[in-house]
Amino acid sequence: MSRITREDALEYHRLKGKPGKISILPTKPLSTQRDLGLAYSPGV
């Protein structure tokens, strides 16, 4: 295995125009305060 340089790592994380490794996306709409309240209601 070849040595991984700092430049290699930085280029990897810039791939496809999105920095970072992980993305979290909501599965429900979160447009309003009510939506957020429903999403974070206990017991759901």
Foldseek 3Di string as FASTA:
>chain_A
DDDQDPVNVQVVQCPPNHGDDDDDDDPDDDPDPVSVCVVPPPPD
